[in-house]
Amino acid sequence: MSLDEGNSLVTVLTCADPMEAMFARSLLESAGIDVHISDEVMGSLYPPMLTGGIHLQVSAADEESAREILSQPAPPDDATH
């Protein structure tokens, strides 16, 4: 579902690490979920802890799917093998 269809946005993740936010965004977008990152510009100018964190938002219709995707455990780190 597209974010520009007038749907309300729901925050599904708040994080302080920009890399975590980008990874989560990638996961959701690969599942076909449109993602909006609030404070994306502010977070790049100031540490996210000063701006209240980086908020990933999706349409209310996609909230349940997004939360399920984000709740999955991360794949094992193969860099140590």
N, C-alpha and C. Protein backbone atom coordinates (compact mmCIF):
# COMPACT_ATOMS: atom_id res chain seq x y z
N MET A 1 0.85 -1.18 0.00
CA MET A 1 0.00 0.00 0.00
C MET A 1 0.89 1.23 0.00
N SER A 2 0.53 2.22 -0.75
CA SER A 2 1.33 3.42 -0.88
C SER A 2 1.03 4.41 0.25
N LEU A 3 2.08 5.10 0.68
CA LEU A 3 1.91 6.09 1.75
C LEU A 3 1.14 7.31 1.29
N ASP A 4 1.07 7.54 -0.01
CA ASP A 4 0.40 8.74 -0.49
C ASP A 4 -1.10 8.55 -0.72
N GLU A 5 -1.66 7.47 -0.24
CA GLU A 5 -3.10 7.23 -0.42
C GLU A 5 -3.93 7.79 0.73
N GLY A 6 -3.34 8.66 1.54
CA GLY A 6 -4.09 9.29 2.61
C GLY A 6 -4.20 8.45 3.87
N ASN A 7 -3.44 7.38 3.96
CA ASN A 7 -3.47 6.55 5.16
C ASN A 7 -2.68 7.22 6.27
N SER A 8 -3.11 6.97 7.49
CA SER A 8 -2.35 7.49 8.61
C SER A 8 -1.08 6.66 8.78
N LEU A 9 -0.05 7.30 9.29
CA LEU A 9 1.22 6.63 9.52
C LEU A 9 1.32 6.18 10.96
N VAL A 10 1.96 5.01 11.14
CA VAL A 10 2.14 4.42 12.46
C VAL A 10 3.63 4.14 12.62
N THR A 11 4.18 4.51 13.76
CA THR A 11 5.59 4.22 14.04
C THR A 11 5.70 2.76 14.46
N VAL A 12 6.53 2.00 13.74
CA VAL A 12 6.72 0.58 14.06
C VAL A 12 8.10 0.31 14.65
N LEU A 13 8.99 1.29 14.59
CA LEU A 13 10.32 1.12 15.18
C LEU A 13 10.91 2.48 15.47
N THR A 14 11.51 2.61 16.63
CA THR A 14 12.28 3.80 16.99
C THR A 14 13.66 3.31 17.39
N CYS A 15 14.68 3.87 16.78
CA CYS A 15 16.03 3.43 17.11
C CYS A 15 16.98 4.62 17.09
N ALA A 16 18.13 4.44 17.75
CA ALA A 16 19.13 5.50 17.81
C ALA A 16 20.21 5.31 16.75
N ASP A 17 20.32 4.11 16.21
CA ASP A 17 21.38 3.79 15.26
C ASP A 17 20.88 3.95 13.82
N PRO A 18 21.45 4.88 13.06
CA PRO A 18 21.02 5.06 11.67
C PRO A 18 21.16 3.80 10.82
N MET A 19 22.18 3.00 11.07
CA MET A 19 22.37 1.77 10.31
C MET A 19 21.25 0.77 10.61
N GLU A 20 20.83 0.70 11.86
CA GLU A 20 19.70 -0.17 12.23
C GLU A 20 18.44 0.29 11.50
N ALA A 21 18.24 1.59 11.44
CA ALA A 21 17.07 2.13 10.75
C ALA A 21 17.10 1.79 9.26
N MET A 22 18.26 1.92 8.65
CA MET A 22 18.38 1.63 7.22
C MET A 22 18.17 0.13 6.95
N PHE A 23 18.67 -0.73 7.83
CA PHE A 23 18.49 -2.17 7.69
C PHE A 23 17.01 -2.52 7.81
N ALA A 24 16.35 -1.96 8.82
CA ALA A 24 14.92 -2.23 9.01
C ALA A 24 14.12 -1.72 7.82
N ARG A 25 14.47 -0.56 7.33
CA ARG A 25 13.78 0.00 6.16
C ARG A 25 13.92 -0.95 4.97
N SER A 26 15.13 -1.46 4.77
CA SER A 26 15.39 -2.38 3.67
C SER A 26 14.56 -3.65 3.80
N LEU A 27 14.45 -4.20 5.01
CA LEU A 27 13.64 -5.39 5.23
C LEU A 27 12.18 -5.14 4.85
N LEU A 28 11.65 -4.01 5.31
CA LEU A 28 10.25 -3.71 5.05
C LEU A 28 10.01 -3.44 3.56
N GLU A 29 10.88 -2.67 2.94
CA GLU A 29 10.70 -2.37 1.53
C GLU A 29 10.83 -3.62 0.67
N SER A 30 11.69 -4.56 1.06
CA SER A 30 11.83 -5.79 0.29
C SER A 30 10.57 -6.65 0.39
N ALA A 31 9.77 -6.41 1.43
CA ALA A 31 8.50 -7.11 1.59
C ALA A 31 7.36 -6.34 0.93
N GLY A 32 7.68 -5.24 0.26
CA GLY A 32 6.66 -4.46 -0.43
C GLY A 32 5.95 -3.45 0.43
N ILE A 33 6.53 -3.13 1.58
CA ILE A 33 5.92 -2.16 2.49
C ILE A 33 6.62 -0.82 2.32
N ASP A 34 5.85 0.22 2.02
CA ASP A 34 6.42 1.56 1.91
C ASP A 34 6.75 2.07 3.31
N VAL A 35 7.91 2.70 3.43
CA VAL A 35 8.40 3.15 4.73
C VAL A 35 8.73 4.63 4.66
N HIS A 36 8.37 5.33 5.72
CA HIS A 36 8.73 6.73 5.88
C HIS A 36 9.60 6.80 7.13
N ILE A 37 10.72 7.50 7.02
CA ILE A 37 11.57 7.69 8.19
C ILE A 37 11.43 9.14 8.63
N SER A 38 10.83 9.33 9.80
CA SER A 38 10.68 10.69 10.31
C SER A 38 12.01 11.12 10.90
N ASP A 39 12.28 12.38 10.84
CA ASP A 39 13.51 12.95 11.36
C ASP A 39 14.74 12.42 10.65
N GLU A 40 14.58 11.93 9.40
CA GLU A 40 15.72 11.38 8.67
C GLU A 40 16.80 12.44 8.48
N VAL A 41 16.40 13.64 8.12
CA VAL A 41 17.38 14.71 7.92
C VAL A 41 17.96 15.16 9.25
N MET A 42 17.10 15.34 10.24
CA MET A 42 17.59 15.76 11.56
C MET A 42 18.52 14.72 12.15
N GLY A 43 18.20 13.45 11.96
CA GLY A 43 19.04 12.39 12.48
C GLY A 43 20.41 12.37 11.85
N SER A 44 20.51 12.84 10.61
CA SER A 44 21.82 12.88 9.96
C SER A 44 22.62 14.11 10.40
N LEU A 45 21.92 15.13 10.88
CA LEU A 45 22.60 16.34 11.32
C LEU A 45 22.97 16.29 12.80
N TYR A 46 22.13 15.66 13.58
CA TYR A 46 22.32 15.56 15.03
C TYR A 46 22.22 14.10 15.43
N PRO A 47 22.91 13.72 16.50
CA PRO A 47 22.77 12.33 16.96
C PRO A 47 21.31 12.02 17.25
N PRO A 48 20.83 10.84 16.81
CA PRO A 48 19.42 10.49 17.03
C PRO A 48 18.97 10.59 18.48
N MET A 49 19.89 10.39 19.42
CA MET A 49 19.48 10.48 20.82
C MET A 49 19.05 11.90 21.19
N LEU A 50 19.55 12.90 20.45
CA LEU A 50 19.16 14.28 20.70
C LEU A 50 17.83 14.63 20.05
N THR A 51 17.44 13.89 19.02
CA THR A 51 16.21 14.19 18.30
C THR A 51 15.07 13.24 18.67
N GLY A 52 15.30 12.38 19.69
CA GLY A 52 14.25 11.45 20.10
C GLY A 52 14.28 10.15 19.33
N GLY A 53 15.33 9.92 18.58
CA GLY A 53 15.47 8.67 17.84
C GLY A 53 14.98 8.80 16.40
N ILE A 54 15.23 7.75 15.65
CA ILE A 54 14.80 7.67 14.26
C ILE A 54 13.54 6.81 14.26
N HIS A 55 12.47 7.33 13.67
CA HIS A 55 11.17 6.65 13.70
C HIS A 55 10.83 6.12 12.32
N LEU A 56 10.69 4.79 12.21
CA LEU A 56 10.23 4.18 10.97
C LEU A 56 8.72 4.10 11.03
N GLN A 57 8.08 4.64 10.01
CA GLN A 57 6.63 4.67 9.97
C GLN A 57 6.11 4.00 8.70
N VAL A 58 4.99 3.31 8.86
CA VAL A 58 4.31 2.66 7.75
C VAL A 58 2.84 3.04 7.81
N SER A 59 2.11 2.74 6.75
CA SER A 59 0.67 3.01 6.79
C SER A 59 0.03 2.11 7.84
N ALA A 60 -1.07 2.57 8.41
CA ALA A 60 -1.77 1.79 9.43
C ALA A 60 -2.17 0.42 8.89
N ALA A 61 -2.48 0.34 7.61
CA ALA A 61 -2.87 -0.93 7.01
C ALA A 61 -1.72 -1.93 6.97
N ASP A 62 -0.48 -1.45 6.96
CA ASP A 62 0.70 -2.32 6.90
C ASP A 62 1.32 -2.57 8.27
N GLU A 63 0.75 -1.99 9.32
CA GLU A 63 1.38 -2.06 10.64
C GLU A 63 1.61 -3.50 11.11
N GLU A 64 0.61 -4.34 11.04
CA GLU A 64 0.73 -5.71 11.54
C GLU A 64 1.83 -6.47 10.80
N SER A 65 1.84 -6.37 9.49
CA SER A 65 2.87 -7.07 8.70
C SER A 65 4.26 -6.53 9.02
N ALA A 66 4.38 -5.23 9.14
CA ALA A 66 5.67 -4.61 9.43
C ALA A 66 6.19 -5.06 10.79
N ARG A 67 5.32 -5.06 11.79
CA ARG A 67 5.76 -5.49 13.13
C ARG A 67 6.19 -6.95 13.13
N GLU A 68 5.49 -7.78 12.38
CA GLU A 68 5.87 -9.19 12.31
C GLU A 68 7.25 -9.35 11.66
N ILE A 69 7.48 -8.63 10.57
CA ILE A 69 8.78 -8.70 9.89
C ILE A 69 9.89 -8.24 10.82
N LEU A 70 9.65 -7.14 11.52
CA LEU A 70 10.68 -6.58 12.40
C LEU A 70 10.91 -7.42 13.65
N SER A 71 9.96 -8.27 14.01
CA SER A 71 10.11 -9.09 15.21
C SER A 71 10.89 -10.37 14.95
N GLN A 72 11.16 -10.68 13.68
CA GLN A 72 11.90 -11.89 13.34
C GLN A 72 13.34 -11.75 13.81
N PRO A 73 13.93 -12.85 14.30
CA PRO A 73 15.33 -12.78 14.72
C PRO A 73 16.24 -12.47 13.53
N ALA A 74 17.31 -11.78 13.81
CA ALA A 74 18.29 -11.46 12.77
C ALA A 74 19.00 -12.73 12.34
N PRO A 75 19.37 -12.81 11.07
CA PRO A 75 20.12 -13.99 10.63
C PRO A 75 21.48 -14.03 11.32
N PRO A 76 22.05 -15.23 11.47
CA PRO A 76 23.36 -15.32 12.12
C PRO A 76 24.41 -14.56 11.35
N ASP A 77 25.38 -14.02 12.06
CA ASP A 77 26.46 -13.28 11.45
C ASP A 77 27.50 -14.26 10.93
N ASP A 78 27.61 -14.37 9.60
CA ASP A 78 28.55 -15.31 8.99
C ASP A 78 29.98 -14.77 8.95
N ALA A 79 30.18 -13.54 9.38
CA ALA A 79 31.51 -12.95 9.31
C ALA A 79 32.49 -13.64 10.25
N THR A 80 32.00 -14.32 11.27
CA THR A 80 32.89 -14.97 12.24
C THR A 80 33.24 -16.39 11.85
N HIS A 81 32.67 -16.89 10.76
CA HIS A 81 32.90 -18.29 10.36
C HIS A 81 33.87 -18.38 9.24
